[in-house]
Amino acid sequence: MKNLIIASTSTLHGGEYLEYLFPELQLLFKDCKTILFIPYARPNGISHDEYTSKAALAFAKIKITLKGIHEFEDPITAIKNAEGIFTGGGNTFVLVYQLYKNQIMNVLAETIKKGTPYLGTSAGSNICGLTMQTTNDMPIIYPPTFKTLGIIPFNINPHYLDTDLQSKHMGETRETRIKEFHTINTIPVLGLREGSWLEIKDGKNILKGPFTARLFRRNETPTEIESGSDISHVK
């Protein structure tokens, strides 16, 4: 049975890394002494070691040891043997490229589907959908395909921003970009606002956090999903 937290972000404004999720992570990883970290997305281009150290400091606060997948000789075996897995945010194109380069996209999906607890934030959440095509990131490297884990039957748009009607910015809004996606694609897209997450557990997909999420379907008016709602029907 799948057991995941798919979060919009790792850090809330004014907070520490992962701090707002600590109560949830203690439940998600309650049976884990050590978890495997996938640092491939490399936010701001930091090294895998730097990123892993940052994540390890956060997990130490809830008495869990964290080790980076790049520290293992065989990443496939590392995933199969992991007690729990965390994929951090950064650039989704880089993350997906590395997952395919190391031949672990499929084994990661299989491991999660078998019940290994998983946390994804930002790019690590993007890859839980059917494709990475609703990421906000620049395509700085070209992965072999946009297909991702398919843990949930729709796509995620993390860091979702509502349209600011007072803004003088003339660029496209997040809603406009998702509507552009739907001119060609039919996959539903869930816009996750900062501080919101999905809990995938016991066969249910529950929206959690203080905010609603915005659900986009092709040729339909976007709808607001209330926190606490089960969106298992979305596909």
Protein backbone atom coordinates (compact mmCIF):
# COMPACT_ATOMS: atom_id res chain seq x y z
CA MET A 1 0.00 0.00 0.00
CA LYS A 2 1.45 3.37 -1.04
CA ASN A 3 2.54 5.70 1.76
CA LEU A 4 3.64 9.16 0.62
CA ILE A 5 3.71 12.86 1.37
CA ILE A 6 3.79 14.99 -1.77
CA ALA A 7 4.50 18.55 -0.65
CA SER A 8 4.51 21.80 -2.59
CA THR A 9 7.63 23.08 -0.87
CA SER A 10 10.33 22.13 1.62
CA THR A 11 10.43 25.48 3.39
CA LEU A 12 7.79 28.02 4.37
CA HIS A 13 8.63 31.73 4.44
CA GLY A 14 10.43 32.48 7.69
CA GLY A 15 10.73 28.81 8.64
CA GLU A 16 13.52 26.25 8.70
CA TYR A 17 14.02 23.51 6.12
CA LEU A 18 11.18 20.93 6.39
CA GLU A 19 10.19 22.33 9.80
CA TYR A 20 6.48 22.69 9.05
CA LEU A 21 6.32 19.02 8.03
CA PHE A 22 8.11 17.53 11.05
CA PRO A 23 4.94 16.15 12.72
CA GLU A 24 3.91 14.48 9.45
CA LEU A 25 7.40 13.13 8.79
CA GLN A 26 7.58 11.55 12.22
CA LEU A 27 4.46 9.58 11.31
CA LEU A 28 5.50 8.82 7.72
CA PHE A 29 8.94 7.53 8.72
CA LYS A 30 8.00 6.15 12.15
CA ASP A 31 9.51 2.74 11.38
CA CYS A 32 12.67 4.12 9.76
CA LYS A 33 16.03 4.60 11.42
CA THR A 34 17.65 5.66 8.15
CA ILE A 35 16.21 7.10 4.95
CA LEU A 36 17.66 7.43 1.48
CA PHE A 37 17.94 10.94 0.04
CA ILE A 38 17.89 11.67 -3.69
CA PRO A 39 19.67 15.04 -4.16
CA TYR A 40 19.74 15.01 -7.95
CA ALA A 41 17.61 18.15 -8.44
CA ARG A 42 20.43 20.29 -6.94
CA PRO A 43 18.68 23.61 -6.09
CA ASN A 44 20.83 26.59 -7.14
CA GLY A 45 23.36 24.11 -8.54
CA ILE A 46 24.68 23.01 -5.13
CA SER A 47 26.57 19.72 -4.96
CA HIS A 48 25.01 16.43 -3.99
CA ASP A 49 27.09 16.43 -0.80
CA GLU A 50 25.98 19.95 0.18
CA TYR A 51 22.34 19.14 -0.43
CA THR A 52 22.54 15.88 1.48
CA SER A 53 24.16 17.62 4.45
CA LYS A 54 21.35 20.17 4.54
CA ALA A 55 18.68 17.47 4.50
CA ALA A 56 20.55 15.36 7.06
CA LEU A 57 20.62 18.26 9.53
CA ALA A 58 16.85 18.60 9.25
CA PHE A 59 16.15 14.90 9.75
CA ALA A 60 18.53 14.76 12.70
CA LYS A 61 16.03 17.01 14.51
CA ILE A 62 13.51 14.15 14.39
CA LYS A 63 16.19 11.55 15.17
CA ILE A 64 16.39 9.98 11.71
CA THR A 65 19.66 9.36 9.86
CA LEU A 66 19.80 10.34 6.19
CA LYS A 67 22.22 9.16 3.51
CA GLY A 68 22.53 10.35 -0.09
CA ILE A 69 21.97 7.94 -2.95
CA HIS A 70 25.19 9.19 -4.60
CA GLU A 71 27.12 7.69 -1.67
CA PHE A 72 26.15 4.16 -2.77
CA GLU A 73 27.99 2.19 -5.43
CA ASP A 74 24.72 0.74 -6.77
CA PRO A 75 21.75 3.17 -6.72
CA ILE A 76 19.29 0.46 -7.76
CA THR A 77 20.14 -1.68 -4.74
CA ALA A 78 20.10 1.41 -2.53
CA ILE A 79 16.49 2.12 -3.51
CA LYS A 80 15.36 -1.48 -3.15
CA ASN A 81 16.88 -1.69 0.33
CA ALA A 82 15.76 1.73 1.57
CA GLU A 83 13.63 1.96 4.72
CA GLY A 84 12.29 5.28 3.46
CA ILE A 85 13.03 7.69 0.60
CA PHE A 86 13.11 11.48 0.26
CA THR A 87 13.53 13.31 -3.06
CA GLY A 88 14.25 17.00 -2.60
CA GLY A 89 13.40 19.98 -4.75
CA GLY A 90 15.45 21.90 -7.28
CA ASN A 91 15.32 21.60 -11.05
CA THR A 92 12.93 18.90 -12.28
CA PHE A 93 14.70 18.55 -15.64
CA VAL A 94 17.98 17.75 -13.89
CA LEU A 95 16.24 15.36 -11.50
CA VAL A 96 14.47 13.40 -14.25
CA TYR A 97 17.61 13.33 -16.38
CA GLN A 98 19.60 11.82 -13.50
CA LEU A 99 16.91 9.28 -12.57
CA TYR A 100 16.94 7.95 -16.13
CA LYS A 101 20.73 8.20 -16.46
CA ASN A 102 21.11 6.02 -13.37
CA GLN A 103 18.35 3.68 -14.56
CA ILE A 104 16.29 4.09 -11.39
CA MET A 105 13.04 5.77 -12.47
CA ASN A 106 11.20 2.47 -12.80
CA VAL A 107 12.69 0.82 -9.72
CA LEU A 108 11.85 3.93 -7.68
CA ALA A 109 8.23 3.75 -8.85
CA GLU A 110 8.01 0.03 -8.08
CA THR A 111 9.53 0.50 -4.62
CA ILE A 112 7.11 3.29 -3.71
CA LYS A 113 4.13 1.32 -4.98
CA LYS A 114 5.13 -1.59 -2.75
CA GLY A 115 4.80 0.64 0.31
CA THR A 116 8.23 2.12 1.07
CA PRO A 117 7.43 5.51 2.66
CA TYR A 118 8.30 8.43 0.39
CA LEU A 119 8.57 12.18 0.78
CA GLY A 120 8.73 14.48 -2.20
CA THR A 121 9.07 18.26 -2.12
CA SER A 122 8.84 20.55 -5.15
CA ALA A 123 10.71 18.69 -7.95
CA GLY A 124 10.47 15.54 -5.83
CA SER A 125 6.69 16.03 -5.92
CA ASN A 126 6.58 16.83 -9.63
CA ILE A 127 7.92 13.38 -10.44
CA CYS A 128 5.05 11.67 -8.59
CA GLY A 129 2.65 12.60 -11.39
CA LEU A 130 2.28 11.07 -14.82
CA THR A 131 4.70 13.51 -16.43
CA MET A 132 6.96 16.39 -15.42
CA GLN A 133 5.38 18.74 -17.96
CA THR A 134 3.75 21.02 -15.38
CA THR A 135 6.98 21.91 -13.61
CA ASN A 136 7.88 25.59 -13.18
CA ASP A 137 11.56 24.96 -13.96
CA MET A 138 13.75 25.97 -16.88
CA PRO A 139 14.78 23.14 -19.26
CA ILE A 140 18.52 23.39 -18.59
CA ILE A 141 19.09 19.76 -19.59
CA TYR A 142 17.07 17.41 -21.78
CA PRO A 143 15.81 14.16 -20.21
CA PRO A 144 15.08 11.22 -22.51
CA THR A 145 11.35 11.49 -21.78
CA PHE A 146 8.96 13.61 -19.70
CA LYS A 147 7.31 10.49 -18.27
CA THR A 148 7.75 10.20 -14.51
CA LEU A 149 6.76 7.87 -11.65
CA GLY A 150 3.00 7.76 -12.19
CA ILE A 151 2.31 7.27 -8.48
CA ILE A 152 -0.76 9.50 -8.82
CA PRO A 153 -2.97 9.60 -11.95
CA PHE A 154 -2.58 13.35 -12.54
CA ASN A 155 0.15 16.00 -12.55
CA ILE A 156 1.33 18.36 -9.83
CA ASN A 157 2.13 22.04 -10.15
CA PRO A 158 3.98 22.87 -6.92
CA HIS A 159 4.45 26.43 -5.62
CA TYR A 160 1.13 27.32 -7.26
CA LEU A 161 0.61 31.09 -7.32
CA ASP A 162 -2.78 32.74 -7.68
CA THR A 163 -3.20 35.53 -10.19
CA ASP A 164 -2.48 38.93 -8.62
CA LEU A 165 -5.01 41.30 -10.18
CA GLN A 166 -3.11 44.31 -8.82
CA SER A 167 0.20 43.29 -10.38
CA LYS A 168 1.59 45.22 -13.35
CA HIS A 169 3.63 42.20 -14.44
CA MET A 170 2.77 41.37 -18.05
CA GLY A 171 4.09 37.81 -18.13
CA GLU A 172 1.91 34.72 -18.16
CA THR A 173 0.25 33.64 -14.91
CA ARG A 174 0.52 30.11 -13.55
CA GLU A 175 -3.10 29.49 -14.55
CA THR A 176 -2.32 30.60 -18.11
CA ARG A 177 0.60 28.19 -18.32
CA ILE A 178 -1.53 25.27 -17.14
CA LYS A 179 -4.24 26.17 -19.64
CA GLU A 180 -1.55 26.13 -22.35
CA PHE A 181 -0.63 22.63 -21.21
CA HIS A 182 -4.27 21.61 -21.61
CA THR A 183 -4.46 22.82 -25.20
CA ILE A 184 -2.42 19.71 -26.05
CA ASN A 185 -2.66 17.39 -23.03
CA THR A 186 -5.62 15.92 -21.12
CA ILE A 187 -3.91 15.06 -17.81
CA PRO A 188 -5.55 16.84 -14.82
CA VAL A 189 -3.24 19.21 -12.92
CA LEU A 190 -3.38 19.95 -9.21
CA GLY A 191 -1.97 23.34 -8.22
CA LEU A 192 -0.47 22.95 -4.73
CA ARG A 193 -0.08 26.18 -2.79
CA GLU A 194 2.84 26.70 -0.40
CA GLY A 195 2.17 24.90 2.88
CA SER A 196 -0.08 22.27 1.29
CA TRP A 197 0.61 18.62 0.63
CA LEU A 198 -1.01 15.38 -0.45
CA GLU A 199 -1.02 12.39 1.87
CA ILE A 200 -1.22 9.15 -0.11
CA LYS A 201 -2.16 6.42 2.36
CA ASP A 202 -4.63 3.57 2.85
CA GLY A 203 -5.80 3.90 -0.75
CA LYS A 204 -6.75 7.57 -0.32
CA ASN A 205 -5.27 10.81 -1.67
CA ILE A 206 -5.98 13.42 1.01
CA LEU A 207 -5.20 17.13 0.59
CA LYS A 208 -3.66 18.51 3.78
CA GLY A 209 -2.41 21.85 5.04
CA PRO A 210 -4.08 25.23 5.66
CA PHE A 211 -5.05 26.03 2.06
CA THR A 212 -7.23 24.81 -0.76
CA ALA A 213 -5.66 23.42 -3.92
CA ARG A 214 -6.69 24.37 -7.45
CA LEU A 215 -7.68 21.56 -9.79
CA PHE A 216 -7.42 22.07 -13.53
CA ARG A 217 -9.08 19.84 -16.10
CA ARG A 218 -9.06 20.31 -19.85
CA ASN A 219 -11.99 22.41 -21.14
CA GLU A 220 -13.37 22.89 -17.61
CA THR A 221 -13.43 25.79 -15.17
CA PRO A 222 -10.77 25.28 -12.45
CA THR A 223 -12.15 24.22 -9.07
CA GLU A 224 -10.96 24.67 -5.50
CA ILE A 225 -10.34 21.53 -3.44
CA GLU A 226 -10.81 21.94 0.31
CA SER A 227 -8.13 20.77 2.73
CA GLY A 228 -9.09 17.38 4.10
CA SER A 229 -10.71 16.28 0.85
CA ASP A 230 -10.07 12.85 -0.65
CA ILE A 231 -9.22 13.36 -4.32
CA SER A 232 -8.77 9.69 -5.17
CA HIS A 233 -11.41 10.15 -7.88
CA VAL A 234 -9.21 12.57 -9.86
CA LYS A 235 -7.75 10.91 -12.93
